[in-house]
Amino acid sequence: MVTAKFIHVLQKDVFRALCKLSMKPLPDGTSDPKSHELRSKILSLQLLLGILQNAGPILRSIKMFVITIKQYLCVALSKNGVSSLRMIRDSTGQ
């Protein structure tokens, strides 16, 4: 049985920060693809996707990572999945 932890606490912090950044609300009427808020949201979602796509078996077996996914990523995806802005949904490859 492999009992690994995050190599550094910052790994969890970065993952959590990306989830929180993706959940930041956009100002009313923001549909400009060049707006800072929207670009930050899209970038954070793309980085989260990259982390998950490249997670090896060790990372997927780390209990803290699985808990972090449940606490932050599931909420972030559900909030962005119901977004009225199509470009957010499209940017994550969905």
C-alpha atoms as a PDB file:
ATOM      1  CA  MET A   1       0.000   0.000   0.000  1.00  0.00           C
ATOM      2  CA  VAL A   2       1.405   3.371  -0.997  1.00  0.00           C
ATOM      3  CA  THR A   3       0.824   6.102   1.551  1.00  0.00           C
ATOM      4  CA  ALA A   4       2.115   9.230  -0.106  1.00  0.00           C
ATOM      5  CA  LYS A   5       1.450  12.834   0.684  1.00  0.00           C
ATOM      6  CA  PHE A   6       1.759  15.990  -1.305  1.00  0.00           C
ATOM      7  CA  ILE A   7       5.471  16.546  -1.849  1.00  0.00           C
ATOM      8  CA  HIS A   8       5.014  20.083  -0.641  1.00  0.00           C
ATOM      9  CA  VAL A   9       2.084  21.801   1.009  1.00  0.00           C
ATOM     10  CA  LEU A  10       2.138  24.332  -1.822  1.00  0.00           C
ATOM     11  CA  GLN A  11       0.838  21.696  -4.238  1.00  0.00           C
ATOM     12  CA  LYS A  12      -2.438  21.557  -2.325  1.00  0.00           C
ATOM     13  CA  ASP A  13      -2.473  25.341  -1.994  1.00  0.00           C
ATOM     14  CA  VAL A  14      -1.989  25.855  -5.740  1.00  0.00           C
ATOM     15  CA  PHE A  15      -4.745  23.375  -6.583  1.00  0.00           C
ATOM     16  CA  ARG A  16      -7.102  24.995  -4.077  1.00  0.00           C
ATOM     17  CA  ALA A  17      -6.218  28.502  -5.317  1.00  0.00           C
ATOM     18  CA  LEU A  18      -6.953  27.521  -8.926  1.00  0.00           C
ATOM     19  CA  CYS A  19     -10.327  26.125  -7.874  1.00  0.00           C
ATOM     20  CA  LYS A  20     -11.165  29.295  -5.969  1.00  0.00           C
ATOM     21  CA  LEU A  21     -10.027  31.508  -8.847  1.00  0.00           C
ATOM     22  CA  SER A  22     -12.269  29.610 -11.240  1.00  0.00           C
ATOM     23  CA  MET A  23     -15.247  30.250  -8.941  1.00  0.00           C
ATOM     24  CA  LYS A  24     -14.819  34.022  -8.701  1.00  0.00           C
ATOM     25  CA  PRO A  25     -17.983  35.687  -9.957  1.00  0.00           C
ATOM     26  CA  LEU A  26     -17.780  37.748 -13.089  1.00  0.00           C
ATOM     27  CA  PRO A  27     -18.992  41.352 -12.993  1.00  0.00           C
ATOM     28  CA  ASP A  28     -22.485  41.800 -14.381  1.00  0.00           C
ATOM     29  CA  GLY A  29     -22.550  41.996 -18.137  1.00  0.00           C
ATOM     30  CA  THR A  30     -19.020  40.613 -18.568  1.00  0.00           C
ATOM     31  CA  SER A  31     -18.926  38.838 -21.879  1.00  0.00           C
ATOM     32  CA  ASP A  32     -15.774  40.477 -23.236  1.00  0.00           C
ATOM     33  CA  PRO A  33     -13.330  37.602 -23.874  1.00  0.00           C
ATOM     34  CA  LYS A  34     -10.438  39.978 -23.165  1.00  0.00           C
ATOM     35  CA  SER A  35     -11.598  40.936 -19.675  1.00  0.00           C
ATOM     36  CA  HIS A  36      -9.138  40.112 -16.920  1.00  0.00           C
ATOM     37  CA  GLU A  37     -11.725  38.302 -14.809  1.00  0.00           C
ATOM     38  CA  LEU A  38     -12.887  36.038 -17.613  1.00  0.00           C
ATOM     39  CA  ARG A  39      -9.360  35.261 -18.795  1.00  0.00           C
ATOM     40  CA  SER A  40      -8.342  34.384 -15.209  1.00  0.00           C
ATOM     41  CA  LYS A  41     -11.324  32.072 -14.877  1.00  0.00           C
ATOM     42  CA  ILE A  42     -10.598  30.316 -18.176  1.00  0.00           C
ATOM     43  CA  LEU A  43      -6.879  29.987 -17.426  1.00  0.00           C
ATOM     44  CA  SER A  44      -7.539  28.492 -13.998  1.00  0.00           C
ATOM     45  CA  LEU A  45      -9.955  25.947 -15.489  1.00  0.00           C
ATOM     46  CA  GLN A  46      -7.440  25.003 -18.192  1.00  0.00           C
ATOM     47  CA  LEU A  47      -4.682  24.558 -15.600  1.00  0.00           C
ATOM     48  CA  LEU A  48      -6.955  22.378 -13.456  1.00  0.00           C
ATOM     49  CA  LEU A  49      -7.735  20.259 -16.501  1.00  0.00           C
ATOM     50  CA  GLY A  50      -4.026  19.871 -17.209  1.00  0.00           C
ATOM     51  CA  ILE A  51      -3.334  18.818 -13.627  1.00  0.00           C
ATOM     52  CA  LEU A  52      -6.028  16.170 -13.741  1.00  0.00           C
ATOM     53  CA  GLN A  53      -5.077  14.870 -17.180  1.00  0.00           C
ATOM     54  CA  ASN A  54      -1.437  14.495 -16.163  1.00  0.00           C
ATOM     55  CA  ALA A  55      -1.984  13.131 -12.660  1.00  0.00           C
ATOM     56  CA  GLY A  56      -0.154   9.863 -12.338  1.00  0.00           C
ATOM     57  CA  PRO A  57      -1.267   6.870 -10.281  1.00  0.00           C
ATOM     58  CA  ILE A  58       0.665   8.028  -7.215  1.00  0.00           C
ATOM     59  CA  LEU A  59      -1.054  11.424  -7.205  1.00  0.00           C
ATOM     60  CA  ARG A  60      -4.464   9.822  -7.704  1.00  0.00           C
ATOM     61  CA  SER A  61      -3.846   7.536  -4.754  1.00  0.00           C
ATOM     62  CA  ILE A  62      -2.983  10.365  -2.340  1.00  0.00           C
ATOM     63  CA  LYS A  63      -5.886  10.666   0.072  1.00  0.00           C
ATOM     64  CA  MET A  64      -5.327  14.405   0.618  1.00  0.00           C
ATOM     65  CA  PHE A  65      -5.533  15.012  -3.145  1.00  0.00           C
ATOM     66  CA  VAL A  66      -8.779  13.051  -3.408  1.00  0.00           C
ATOM     67  CA  ILE A  67     -10.233  15.018  -0.463  1.00  0.00           C
ATOM     68  CA  THR A  68      -9.113  18.294  -2.047  1.00  0.00           C
ATOM     69  CA  ILE A  69     -10.838  17.318  -5.294  1.00  0.00           C
ATOM     70  CA  LYS A  70     -14.059  16.619  -3.414  1.00  0.00           C
ATOM     71  CA  GLN A  71     -13.875  19.842  -1.399  1.00  0.00           C
ATOM     72  CA  TYR A  72     -12.878  22.282  -4.103  1.00  0.00           C
ATOM     73  CA  LEU A  73     -12.898  20.912  -7.627  1.00  0.00           C
ATOM     74  CA  CYS A  74     -16.405  19.450  -7.554  1.00  0.00           C
ATOM     75  CA  VAL A  75     -17.799  22.786  -6.377  1.00  0.00           C
ATOM     76  CA  ALA A  76     -15.762  24.738  -8.940  1.00  0.00           C
ATOM     77  CA  LEU A  77     -16.922  22.544 -11.805  1.00  0.00           C
ATOM     78  CA  SER A  78     -20.544  22.684 -10.756  1.00  0.00           C
ATOM     79  CA  LYS A  79     -20.459  26.489 -10.544  1.00  0.00           C
ATOM     80  CA  ASN A  80     -18.788  26.823 -13.932  1.00  0.00           C
ATOM     81  CA  GLY A  81     -20.877  24.087 -15.528  1.00  0.00           C
ATOM     82  CA  VAL A  82     -24.002  26.159 -15.104  1.00  0.00           C
ATOM     83  CA  SER A  83     -22.381  29.325 -16.401  1.00  0.00           C
ATOM     84  CA  SER A  84     -24.359  31.237 -18.985  1.00  0.00           C
ATOM     85  CA  LEU A  85     -21.124  32.020 -20.838  1.00  0.00           C
ATOM     86  CA  ARG A  86     -20.504  29.360 -23.437  1.00  0.00           C
ATOM     87  CA  MET A  87     -16.805  30.213 -23.800  1.00  0.00           C
ATOM     88  CA  ILE A  88     -16.133  29.060 -20.226  1.00  0.00           C
ATOM     89  CA  ARG A  89     -17.656  25.658 -20.896  1.00  0.00           C
ATOM     90  CA  ASP A  90     -15.917  25.373 -24.271  1.00  0.00           C
ATOM     91  CA  SER A  91     -12.482  26.314 -22.898  1.00  0.00           C
ATOM     92  CA  THR A  92     -12.435  23.304 -20.598  1.00  0.00           C
ATOM     93  CA  GLY A  93     -12.852  20.894 -23.485  1.00  0.00           C
ATOM     94  CA  GLN A  94     -16.469  20.015 -22.702  1.00  0.00           C
END
